[in-house]
Amino acid sequence: MREVFVNIHPLRWSRVVRALVAAAGIASGAACGSGAREAATVSASDAAPLPSWSFDSTMIFPADRSLERAEDGIALPDGRLIVADQSHGLRVVEADGSSKPFGDLPGAGYAHRPPEHAGGANGVSLEPGGTHLLVADVFTGAIYRVELTSGATERVYQHRFGVNAAVRDASGAIWFTQSAENSPATGEQRMWASVDIPNPDGALLRLASSDGRLSAQADVVIDSLVMANGLAIDERQGYLYIAETMGARVLRYRLDVATGRLSDRTVFAEIAADNLKLDSEGRLWVGSPVTNEVIVVNTATGERQSAFRVQTPAQEELAAEFNRRGRAGESRMDLVTPDYFAPMPGLVTGAIVASAGGPVYVTTLGGALIRLEAGAAREGEAAASIVRVMHTPPTCNCWQAVASTLARESRAERNNRSRPYPNTPARTHITRCTRYNTIPANPPTSVPLIRMNCRSRPIASSMRYDVALGSQRLTVEAINSPTSSW
């Protein structure tokens, strides 16, 4: 048996270890003569766990905080982003953080002339065809449609109250949320009043489409919502999700796209949710400005994971008081100062989820996003770089790995810096491994993290491998080691 060290890049986040632990769940000595099988379609039930990130000032994107109220956005296939922008309606953001106005919302009627008139570019969503996006104005009630190639822009609907988010389904209908009964005249002031003291004047509406033409008037589908906000449609599974921010819950309905009928309402998650986004694996990404957090919910199981959270003990106390006053019907906006969300550029609103394996961008009400990439370690969790890998003769067509999670501290322990919890062993498998070029032969020293048995092909020394773990991709570097024992 030949043993080699493997250096994993980037593995500064311990949740990748949990991805190893949960990706397959093979028991010790499990038979695998038929080979490792990959699902034909990816669903939330078999999606790999995600890392959990902690905030670092280097994550602020762009670093000069040159955006303006980037409340929502989409990722383009080439890596650029299109985000809401209060001054111009939309901005396109390059990979280096530079940006410029996108589309022509001002030409279609959008205006931001403070202090007399505030523009409220807010929800941004991609249409099913992938050629246009929708932008909702939360202060004036306008819904704009923008062609991605040319930037051509038109206002497709004017609601009498502000529109928080708008999403188009495959039938051509546009679903949108009304957070409050804030008219263009009362706009921003009236909407924030519904945050200050919750009021059930939110609604979900549907603008039907026939022969490619939208109806002249939207239909109220659900009313009496307490700050209706983010919206997501999962047509493959037949569900519609809607965030009720000040009601502190996400509702889920069965959706018949052809008829626009909703049924079987359930409280899917109890979260003070803002934006909702479904990723390619069917997980729901939920932003919460109350806890300054991004939560990912498995839509198949309901299991939830805090992927990103920024709250000091003092901010937790502010959030608790914010919630207490809301339940009591007391004014609470005086609590929402920069102290509530610092050092973040603004309150968290949601996430822009790029292609599988790409970065995630946390949207905010401030001048910048938070760029989350593999390599960010959660507070209280060590960076992991070294694993040991053992090669044994081929016996089956799969890879097996025995992994141990990094030592993790509880919140109380993290506050007083006491000893961490011990490691916990678990088991999984890896599906693919591709060899790359020669790499340096001397790894840094560290505690062993993962023992991997390659049972289908040899691990060549001094070579780099690309390992696929569901949607996650890790680069591993196999290096000769004279050590023969674990």
Protein backbone atom coordinates (compact mmCIF):
# COMPACT_ATOMS: atom_id res chain seq x y z
CA MET A 1 0.00 0.00 0.00
CA ARG A 2 1.42 3.38 -0.97
CA GLU A 3 0.39 6.46 1.00
CA VAL A 4 0.55 10.03 -0.28
CA PHE A 5 -0.32 13.40 1.16
CA VAL A 6 -2.94 15.43 -0.63
CA ASN A 7 -3.19 19.20 -0.44
CA ILE A 8 -6.72 20.43 -1.12
CA HIS A 9 -7.25 23.85 -2.68
CA PRO A 10 -9.27 25.75 -1.78
CA LEU A 11 -10.22 24.11 1.50
CA ARG A 12 -10.21 26.87 4.06
CA TRP A 13 -13.90 26.26 4.72
CA SER A 14 -14.81 23.28 6.80
CA ARG A 15 -18.21 22.83 5.23
CA VAL A 16 -16.51 21.27 2.22
CA VAL A 17 -15.60 18.53 4.65
CA ARG A 18 -19.28 18.22 5.45
CA ALA A 19 -19.87 17.96 1.70
CA LEU A 20 -17.48 15.01 1.75
CA VAL A 21 -19.29 13.61 4.76
CA ALA A 22 -22.81 13.88 3.34
CA ALA A 23 -22.40 13.61 -0.43
CA ALA A 24 -22.92 9.87 -0.52
CA GLY A 25 -23.03 8.32 2.94
CA ILE A 26 -21.37 5.01 2.17
CA ALA A 27 -21.00 2.69 5.17
CA SER A 28 -17.66 1.11 5.95
CA GLY A 29 -17.03 -1.87 3.67
CA ALA A 30 -20.07 -1.18 1.48
CA ALA A 31 -20.20 -3.17 -1.73
CA CYS A 32 -19.56 -1.09 -4.83
CA GLY A 33 -18.87 -3.58 -7.58
CA SER A 34 -21.47 -1.99 -9.81
CA GLY A 35 -19.66 1.36 -9.66
CA ALA A 36 -20.56 4.79 -8.30
CA ARG A 37 -23.75 6.12 -9.91
CA GLU A 38 -24.51 9.76 -10.64
CA ALA A 39 -28.08 11.03 -10.64
CA ALA A 40 -29.47 11.97 -14.03
CA THR A 41 -31.01 15.10 -12.56
CA VAL A 42 -29.98 17.13 -9.56
CA SER A 43 -32.60 17.85 -6.92
CA ALA A 44 -32.55 19.45 -3.50
CA SER A 45 -32.76 16.04 -1.88
CA ASP A 46 -29.28 15.02 -3.11
CA ALA A 47 -27.60 18.44 -3.31
CA ALA A 48 -24.18 18.64 -1.68
CA PRO A 49 -24.00 20.68 1.54
CA LEU A 50 -22.67 24.19 1.21
CA PRO A 51 -19.89 25.93 3.08
CA SER A 52 -20.68 28.49 5.77
CA TRP A 53 -18.88 31.77 5.37
CA SER A 54 -17.88 34.41 7.90
CA PHE A 55 -17.46 38.05 7.00
CA ASP A 56 -14.12 39.55 6.08
CA SER A 57 -13.63 43.10 4.79
CA THR A 58 -11.89 41.74 1.68
CA MET A 59 -15.23 40.24 0.64
CA ILE A 60 -16.76 43.68 0.01
CA PHE A 61 -17.42 43.92 -3.73
CA PRO A 62 -16.69 46.29 -5.29
CA ALA A 63 -14.15 47.49 -2.73
CA ASP A 64 -14.90 51.16 -3.44
CA ARG A 65 -18.60 50.62 -2.55
CA SER A 66 -19.63 52.37 -5.76
CA LEU A 67 -23.02 50.66 -6.07
CA GLU A 68 -26.23 52.25 -4.84
CA ARG A 69 -28.83 50.14 -3.06
CA ALA A 70 -27.86 46.87 -4.80
CA GLU A 71 -30.90 45.12 -3.33
CA ASP A 72 -31.12 42.30 -5.88
CA GLY A 73 -29.57 41.07 -9.09
CA ILE A 74 -28.72 38.23 -11.44
CA ALA A 75 -25.51 36.57 -12.61
CA LEU A 76 -24.80 36.34 -16.34
CA PRO A 77 -23.14 33.26 -17.87
CA ASP A 78 -19.92 35.22 -18.49
CA GLY A 79 -19.55 36.03 -14.79
CA ARG A 80 -20.82 39.61 -14.89
CA LEU A 81 -23.65 40.72 -12.63
CA ILE A 82 -26.65 42.95 -13.25
CA VAL A 83 -27.85 44.55 -10.04
CA ALA A 84 -30.47 47.04 -8.97
CA ASP A 85 -29.21 50.61 -8.79
CA GLN A 86 -31.18 53.41 -7.21
CA SER A 87 -29.84 56.17 -9.46
CA HIS A 88 -30.07 54.48 -12.87
CA GLY A 89 -32.29 51.47 -12.23
CA LEU A 90 -29.68 48.85 -13.14
CA ARG A 91 -25.90 48.49 -13.26
CA VAL A 92 -23.72 45.83 -14.88
CA VAL A 93 -20.78 44.85 -12.69
CA GLU A 94 -17.62 43.38 -14.20
CA ALA A 95 -15.44 40.75 -12.53
CA ASP A 96 -12.96 43.44 -11.45
CA GLY A 97 -15.70 45.41 -9.67
CA SER A 98 -16.02 48.18 -12.24
CA SER A 99 -19.58 48.98 -13.25
CA LYS A 100 -21.75 51.14 -15.46
CA PRO A 101 -25.48 51.77 -15.96
CA PHE A 102 -27.32 49.04 -17.83
CA GLY A 103 -30.46 49.29 -19.92
CA ASP A 104 -32.51 52.46 -20.21
CA LEU A 105 -34.87 52.57 -17.25
CA PRO A 106 -34.79 56.40 -17.16
CA GLY A 107 -35.94 56.42 -20.79
CA ALA A 108 -38.86 54.18 -19.78
CA GLY A 109 -39.91 56.46 -16.92
CA TYR A 110 -37.67 55.50 -14.00
CA ALA A 111 -36.52 58.48 -11.94
CA HIS A 112 -34.52 59.11 -8.79
CA ARG A 113 -34.53 62.76 -7.78
CA PRO A 114 -33.89 62.97 -4.04
CA PRO A 115 -35.16 64.27 -1.77
CA GLU A 116 -38.39 65.03 -3.66
CA HIS A 117 -38.68 61.68 -5.44
CA ALA A 118 -36.94 58.41 -4.60
CA GLY A 119 -36.49 55.71 -7.20
CA GLY A 120 -36.93 52.21 -5.83
CA ALA A 121 -35.34 49.73 -8.24
CA ASN A 122 -35.63 46.58 -6.21
CA GLY A 123 -36.40 43.01 -7.30
CA VAL A 124 -34.49 41.76 -10.37
CA SER A 125 -35.35 38.45 -12.01
CA LEU A 126 -34.49 36.61 -15.21
CA GLU A 127 -37.34 35.50 -17.42
CA PRO A 128 -37.63 31.78 -18.30
CA GLY A 129 -36.32 32.36 -21.82
CA GLY A 130 -33.13 33.91 -20.49
CA THR A 131 -33.25 36.87 -22.89
CA HIS A 132 -34.97 39.48 -20.70
CA LEU A 133 -35.10 40.46 -17.08
CA LEU A 134 -37.75 42.17 -14.97
CA VAL A 135 -37.13 45.04 -12.54
CA ALA A 136 -39.66 46.09 -9.90
CA ASP A 137 -39.86 49.58 -8.38
CA VAL A 138 -40.81 49.20 -4.73
CA PHE A 139 -41.61 52.90 -4.30
CA THR A 140 -43.58 53.71 -7.49
CA GLY A 141 -45.13 50.38 -8.58
CA ALA A 142 -43.58 50.22 -12.06
CA ILE A 143 -42.42 46.93 -13.60
CA TYR A 144 -39.76 47.23 -16.30
CA ARG A 145 -38.63 44.64 -18.87
CA VAL A 146 -35.06 44.81 -20.17
CA GLU A 147 -33.56 42.93 -23.13
CA LEU A 148 -30.16 41.59 -22.11
CA THR A 149 -28.36 41.92 -25.44
CA SER A 150 -29.38 45.43 -26.45
CA GLY A 151 -30.49 46.87 -23.12
CA ALA A 152 -33.79 47.94 -24.69
CA THR A 153 -36.19 48.78 -21.87
CA GLU A 154 -39.93 49.17 -21.56
CA ARG A 155 -42.34 49.65 -18.70
CA VAL A 156 -44.75 46.74 -18.99
CA TYR A 157 -47.02 47.53 -16.06
CA GLN A 158 -47.82 50.28 -13.59
CA HIS A 159 -49.30 49.13 -10.30
CA ARG A 160 -51.02 51.64 -8.02
CA PHE A 161 -48.79 50.61 -5.10
CA GLY A 162 -45.12 49.77 -4.87
CA VAL A 163 -43.93 46.46 -6.37
CA ASN A 164 -41.25 44.63 -4.43
CA ALA A 165 -40.47 41.67 -6.71
CA ALA A 166 -41.74 40.47 -10.10
CA VAL A 167 -41.22 37.01 -11.62
CA ARG A 168 -42.43 35.65 -14.96
CA ASP A 169 -43.58 32.05 -15.42
CA ALA A 170 -43.47 29.86 -18.52
CA SER A 171 -47.02 30.86 -19.53
CA GLY A 172 -45.91 34.48 -19.82
CA ALA A 173 -47.79 35.64 -16.72
CA ILE A 174 -46.01 37.97 -14.31
CA TRP A 175 -46.40 37.38 -10.58
CA PHE A 176 -45.50 40.26 -8.29
CA THR A 177 -45.59 41.25 -4.65
CA GLN A 178 -46.96 44.40 -3.06
CA SER A 179 -45.27 45.04 0.29
CA ALA A 180 -47.56 47.84 1.42
CA GLU A 181 -50.19 50.22 0.12
CA ASN A 182 -47.58 52.83 -0.71
CA SER A 183 -48.63 54.90 -3.70
CA PRO A 184 -46.11 56.76 -5.90
CA ALA A 185 -46.99 59.86 -3.88
CA THR A 186 -46.21 58.27 -0.50
CA GLY A 187 -43.63 55.82 -1.86
CA GLU A 188 -40.64 55.32 0.42
CA GLN A 189 -42.12 56.85 3.56
CA ARG A 190 -45.25 54.69 3.53
CA MET A 191 -43.33 51.48 2.78
CA TRP A 192 -40.92 51.96 5.68
CA ALA A 193 -43.88 52.71 7.93
CA SER A 194 -45.00 49.11 7.32
CA VAL A 195 -41.59 47.92 8.46
CA ASP A 196 -41.76 50.12 11.56
CA ILE A 197 -45.16 48.84 12.66
CA PRO A 198 -46.23 45.72 10.72
CA ASN A 199 -49.43 46.12 8.75
CA PRO A 200 -51.26 43.39 6.77
CA ASP A 201 -51.64 45.38 3.56
CA GLY A 202 -49.26 43.31 1.43
CA ALA A 203 -50.42 41.16 -1.48
CA LEU A 204 -49.46 38.75 -4.23
CA LEU A 205 -50.79 39.63 -7.68
CA ARG A 206 -50.75 38.01 -11.11
CA LEU A 207 -50.68 39.71 -14.48
CA ALA A 208 -52.06 37.17 -16.93
CA SER A 209 -50.74 36.71 -20.46
CA SER A 210 -52.62 35.68 -23.58
CA ASP A 211 -51.04 35.29 -27.01
CA GLY A 212 -47.97 37.10 -25.75
CA ARG A 213 -49.93 40.10 -24.49
CA LEU A 214 -50.23 41.02 -20.82
CA SER A 215 -53.58 41.82 -19.29
CA ALA A 216 -54.38 45.45 -18.64
CA GLN A 217 -55.10 44.77 -14.97
CA ALA A 218 -53.45 42.45 -12.46
CA ASP A 219 -55.51 40.13 -10.30
CA VAL A 220 -55.05 39.97 -6.54
CA VAL A 221 -54.28 36.33 -5.74
CA ILE A 222 -53.47 36.64 -2.01
CA ASP A 223 -54.07 39.64 0.21
CA SER A 224 -53.58 40.58 3.89
CA LEU A 225 -49.88 39.66 3.84
CA VAL A 226 -47.56 41.32 6.35
CA MET A 227 -44.88 42.86 4.10
CA ALA A 228 -44.98 40.59 1.05
CA ASN A 229 -41.48 40.53 -0.37
CA GLY A 230 -39.35 38.00 -2.28
CA LEU A 231 -40.86 35.58 -4.77
CA ALA A 232 -39.63 32.35 -6.36
CA ILE A 233 -41.31 29.90 -8.73
CA ASP A 234 -40.22 26.27 -9.06
CA GLU A 235 -42.10 25.07 -12.12
CA ARG A 236 -40.34 21.69 -12.19
CA GLN A 237 -41.71 20.79 -8.77
CA GLY A 238 -44.87 22.90 -9.12
CA TYR A 239 -44.41 25.34 -6.23
CA LEU A 240 -44.51 29.08 -5.62
CA TYR A 241 -42.67 30.58 -2.65
CA ILE A 242 -43.39 33.99 -1.19
CA ALA A 243 -41.62 35.83 1.62
CA GLU A 244 -43.72 37.55 4.26
CA THR A 245 -40.96 39.58 5.88
CA MET A 246 -42.70 41.15 8.85
CA GLY A 247 -44.77 38.00 9.29
CA ALA A 248 -41.42 36.20 9.70
CA ARG A 249 -42.24 33.32 7.39
CA VAL A 250 -41.90 31.92 3.89
CA LEU A 251 -45.13 30.53 2.45
CA ARG A 252 -45.28 27.77 -0.14
CA TYR A 253 -48.19 27.02 -2.47
CA ARG A 254 -48.88 24.38 -5.05
CA LEU A 255 -48.87 26.15 -8.42
CA ASP A 256 -50.72 25.33 -11.63
CA VAL A 257 -48.86 27.50 -14.12
CA ALA A 258 -51.40 27.09 -16.93
CA THR A 259 -54.33 28.34 -14.86
CA GLY A 260 -52.51 30.49 -12.33
CA ARG A 261 -54.24 28.63 -9.51
CA LEU A 262 -52.58 28.32 -6.10
CA SER A 263 -53.49 25.67 -3.51
CA ASP A 264 -52.21 23.77 -0.48
CA ARG A 265 -50.66 26.65 1.44
CA THR A 266 -47.99 25.71 3.97
CA VAL A 267 -45.61 27.68 6.15
CA PHE A 268 -42.41 26.47 4.52
CA ALA A 269 -39.96 28.23 6.85
CA GLU A 270 -40.18 30.63 9.77
CA ILE A 271 -37.69 33.28 8.65
CA ALA A 272 -38.01 37.07 8.42
CA ALA A 273 -37.22 36.68 4.73
CA ASP A 274 -36.46 39.27 2.08
CA ASN A 275 -35.31 37.98 -1.33
CA LEU A 276 -35.81 34.37 -2.41
CA LYS A 277 -33.70 32.62 -5.05
CA LEU A 278 -33.78 29.00 -6.25
CA ASP A 279 -30.46 27.54 -7.37
CA SER A 280 -29.80 24.88 -10.00
CA GLU A 281 -30.04 22.13 -7.36
CA GLY A 282 -33.47 23.21 -6.14
CA ARG A 283 -32.34 24.86 -2.91
CA LEU A 284 -33.98 28.08 -1.77
CA TRP A 285 -31.62 30.92 -0.80
CA VAL A 286 -33.26 33.25 1.69
CA GLY A 287 -31.92 36.64 2.77
CA SER A 288 -32.91 38.07 6.15
CA PRO A 289 -32.20 41.72 6.98
CA VAL A 290 -33.39 41.16 10.56
CA THR A 291 -30.56 38.74 11.38
CA ASN A 292 -28.18 39.90 8.61
CA GLU A 293 -28.07 36.37 7.32
CA VAL A 294 -28.38 34.19 4.24
CA ILE A 295 -30.12 30.88 4.92
CA VAL A 296 -30.30 28.01 2.43
CA VAL A 297 -33.29 25.69 2.71
CA ASN A 298 -33.49 22.26 1.16
CA THR A 299 -36.88 22.34 -0.57
CA ALA A 300 -37.18 18.55 -0.49
CA THR A 301 -36.53 18.07 3.23
CA GLY A 302 -37.01 21.52 4.78
CA GLU A 303 -33.54 21.28 6.32
CA ARG A 304 -31.97 24.71 6.65
CA GLN A 305 -28.39 25.91 6.84
CA SER A 306 -27.00 29.31 7.76
CA ALA A 307 -24.59 29.95 4.89
CA PHE A 308 -23.62 33.50 5.92
CA ARG A 309 -24.35 35.53 9.03
CA VAL A 310 -22.91 38.71 10.50
CA GLN A 311 -24.15 39.46 14.02
CA THR A 312 -22.26 40.45 17.12
CA PRO A 313 -23.82 39.77 20.54
CA ALA A 314 -24.88 43.44 20.67
CA GLN A 315 -26.53 43.13 17.24
CA GLU A 316 -28.31 39.97 18.35
CA GLU A 317 -29.79 41.97 21.20
CA LEU A 318 -30.91 44.67 18.74
CA ALA A 319 -32.55 42.03 16.53
CA ALA A 320 -34.32 40.51 19.52
CA GLU A 321 -35.64 43.93 20.54
CA PHE A 322 -36.67 44.62 16.92
CA ASN A 323 -38.73 41.41 16.90
CA ARG A 324 -40.20 42.08 20.36
CA ARG A 325 -41.41 45.52 19.37
CA GLY A 326 -42.89 44.12 16.16
CA ARG A 327 -44.95 41.58 18.10
CA ALA A 328 -46.08 44.32 20.49
CA GLY A 329 -46.99 46.73 17.69
CA GLU A 330 -44.41 49.27 18.87
CA SER A 331 -42.30 51.58 16.72
CA ARG A 332 -38.84 50.12 16.03
CA MET A 333 -37.14 51.82 13.09
CA ASP A 334 -35.01 53.84 15.50
CA LEU A 335 -33.10 50.59 16.12
CA VAL A 336 -32.04 50.30 12.47
CA THR A 337 -28.88 52.39 12.38
CA PRO A 338 -25.42 51.46 11.00
CA ASP A 339 -24.77 49.83 14.38
CA TYR A 340 -27.39 47.22 13.42
CA PHE A 341 -25.43 45.90 10.43
CA ALA A 342 -21.80 47.12 10.74
CA PRO A 343 -19.27 46.16 9.40
CA MET A 344 -21.50 45.15 6.49
CA PRO A 345 -22.16 47.82 3.82
CA GLY A 346 -25.89 47.54 4.51
CA LEU A 347 -28.67 45.24 5.65
CA VAL A 348 -28.61 41.82 3.99
CA THR A 349 -31.40 41.31 1.46
CA GLY A 350 -30.56 38.09 -0.36
CA ALA A 351 -28.10 36.30 -2.61
CA ILE A 352 -27.11 36.14 -6.26
CA VAL A 353 -26.23 32.53 -6.98
CA ALA A 354 -23.93 32.09 -9.97
CA SER A 355 -23.29 28.84 -11.82
CA ALA A 356 -22.46 25.72 -9.81
CA GLY A 357 -19.08 26.10 -8.18
CA GLY A 358 -18.99 29.85 -8.80
CA PRO A 359 -19.09 32.63 -6.24
CA VAL A 360 -22.18 33.68 -4.33
CA TYR A 361 -22.91 37.39 -3.93
CA VAL A 362 -24.81 38.66 -0.89
CA THR A 363 -27.01 41.61 -1.81
CA THR A 364 -27.50 44.53 0.57
CA LEU A 365 -29.22 47.88 0.92
CA GLY A 366 -25.80 49.54 0.84
CA GLY A 367 -23.16 50.44 -1.73
CA ALA A 368 -21.64 47.01 -2.22
CA LEU A 369 -22.22 43.28 -2.36
CA ILE A 370 -20.40 40.59 -0.38
CA ARG A 371 -18.53 38.16 -2.59
CA LEU A 372 -18.35 34.66 -1.11
CA GLU A 373 -15.86 32.23 -2.58
CA ALA A 374 -14.36 28.91 -1.58
CA GLY A 375 -11.57 29.74 0.81
CA ALA A 376 -13.46 31.76 3.42
CA ALA A 377 -13.37 30.07 6.83
CA ARG A 378 -16.19 30.37 9.31
CA GLU A 379 -15.28 32.05 12.60
CA GLY A 380 -14.04 29.49 15.11
CA GLU A 381 -13.14 26.92 12.45
CA ALA A 382 -9.56 26.27 11.39
CA ALA A 383 -8.34 26.27 7.81
CA ALA A 384 -7.69 22.74 6.56
CA SER A 385 -5.09 21.97 3.93
CA ILE A 386 -3.61 18.51 4.46
CA VAL A 387 -5.13 15.09 4.01
CA ARG A 388 -3.57 11.64 3.68
CA VAL A 389 -4.52 9.43 0.76
CA MET A 390 -3.90 5.69 0.47
CA HIS A 391 -3.91 3.65 -2.71
CA THR A 392 -5.10 0.04 -2.65
CA PRO A 393 -5.51 -2.46 -5.54
CA PRO A 394 -8.59 -1.91 -7.73
CA THR A 395 -11.65 -3.66 -6.33
CA CYS A 396 -14.55 -1.53 -7.52
CA ASN A 397 -15.38 1.53 -9.57
CA CYS A 398 -15.69 4.15 -6.87
CA TRP A 399 -13.74 6.33 -4.53
CA GLN A 400 -14.16 6.21 -0.78
CA ALA A 401 -13.08 8.74 1.81
CA VAL A 402 -13.13 8.78 5.56
CA ALA A 403 -13.36 12.38 6.73
CA SER A 404 -13.35 14.14 10.05
CA THR A 405 -15.00 17.48 10.52
CA LEU A 406 -12.92 20.37 11.72
CA ALA A 407 -13.09 21.28 15.38
CA ARG A 408 -15.98 23.68 15.81
CA GLU A 409 -16.75 25.97 18.68
CA SER A 410 -20.18 26.74 20.05
CA ARG A 411 -21.25 30.37 20.15
CA ALA A 412 -20.57 30.57 23.87
CA GLU A 413 -17.17 28.97 23.45
CA ARG A 414 -16.37 31.26 20.56
CA ASN A 415 -17.15 34.27 22.73
CA ASN A 416 -14.88 33.23 25.58
CA ARG A 417 -12.34 31.37 23.43
CA SER A 418 -12.48 28.14 25.39
CA ARG A 419 -11.59 24.70 24.02
CA PRO A 420 -13.36 23.48 20.84
CA TYR A 421 -15.42 20.38 20.47
CA PRO A 422 -13.58 17.22 19.32
CA ASN A 423 -13.62 16.00 15.73
CA THR A 424 -16.38 13.72 14.50
CA PRO A 425 -15.68 10.95 11.93
CA ALA A 426 -17.89 10.21 8.94
CA ARG A 427 -17.72 8.55 5.51
CA THR A 428 -18.57 9.32 1.87
CA HIS A 429 -17.38 8.82 -1.71
CA ILE A 430 -16.11 10.90 -4.61
CA THR A 431 -17.32 10.32 -8.14
CA ARG A 432 -14.63 11.60 -10.52
CA CYS A 433 -10.91 12.37 -10.48
CA THR A 434 -8.91 13.86 -13.36
CA ARG A 435 -5.12 14.13 -13.35
CA TYR A 436 -3.39 17.44 -14.04
CA ASN A 437 0.17 18.77 -14.16
CA THR A 438 3.13 18.18 -11.85
CA ILE A 439 3.17 20.28 -8.69
CA PRO A 440 5.69 21.04 -5.89
CA ALA A 441 6.72 18.02 -3.83
CA ASN A 442 6.79 19.42 -0.27
CA PRO A 443 3.42 20.14 1.37
CA PRO A 444 3.10 22.23 4.53
CA THR A 445 2.52 20.33 7.75
CA SER A 446 -0.90 20.09 9.37
CA VAL A 447 -3.10 17.62 11.22
CA PRO A 448 -4.54 14.80 9.07
CA LEU A 449 -8.04 15.63 7.92
CA ILE A 450 -9.17 13.09 5.32
CA ARG A 451 -8.09 9.52 4.51
CA MET A 452 -9.03 8.56 0.97
CA ASN A 453 -8.87 5.09 -0.61
CA CYS A 454 -8.65 5.11 -4.38
CA ARG A 455 -10.05 1.75 -5.47
CA SER A 456 -10.41 2.32 -9.19
CA ARG A 457 -7.19 3.97 -10.35
CA PRO A 458 -3.77 4.80 -8.91
CA ILE A 459 -2.99 8.17 -7.38
CA ALA A 460 0.14 9.28 -9.23
CA SER A 461 2.71 11.08 -7.11
CA SER A 462 3.39 14.77 -7.61
CA MET A 463 0.28 15.25 -9.71
CA ARG A 464 -2.78 17.48 -9.44
CA TYR A 465 -6.32 16.13 -9.53
CA ASP A 466 -9.66 17.76 -10.07
CA VAL A 467 -12.27 16.11 -7.83
CA ALA A 468 -16.02 16.56 -8.38
CA LEU A 469 -18.27 16.52 -5.30
CA GLY A 470 -21.73 17.14 -6.69
CA SER A 471 -21.67 20.79 -7.73
CA GLN A 472 -18.47 21.49 -5.79
CA ARG A 473 -15.09 21.05 -7.46
CA LEU A 474 -11.85 20.75 -5.50
CA THR A 475 -8.31 20.61 -6.76
CA VAL A 476 -6.22 18.02 -4.95
CA GLU A 477 -2.46 17.67 -5.20
CA ALA A 478 -1.06 14.19 -4.56
CA ILE A 479 2.48 14.20 -3.22
CA ASN A 480 4.82 11.32 -2.32
CA SER A 481 5.19 10.62 1.38
CA PRO A 482 7.59 8.19 3.07
CA THR A 483 5.04 7.63 5.83
CA SER A 484 3.25 4.28 5.66
CA SER A 485 1.07 4.47 8.76
CA TRP A 486 -2.04 6.50 9.56
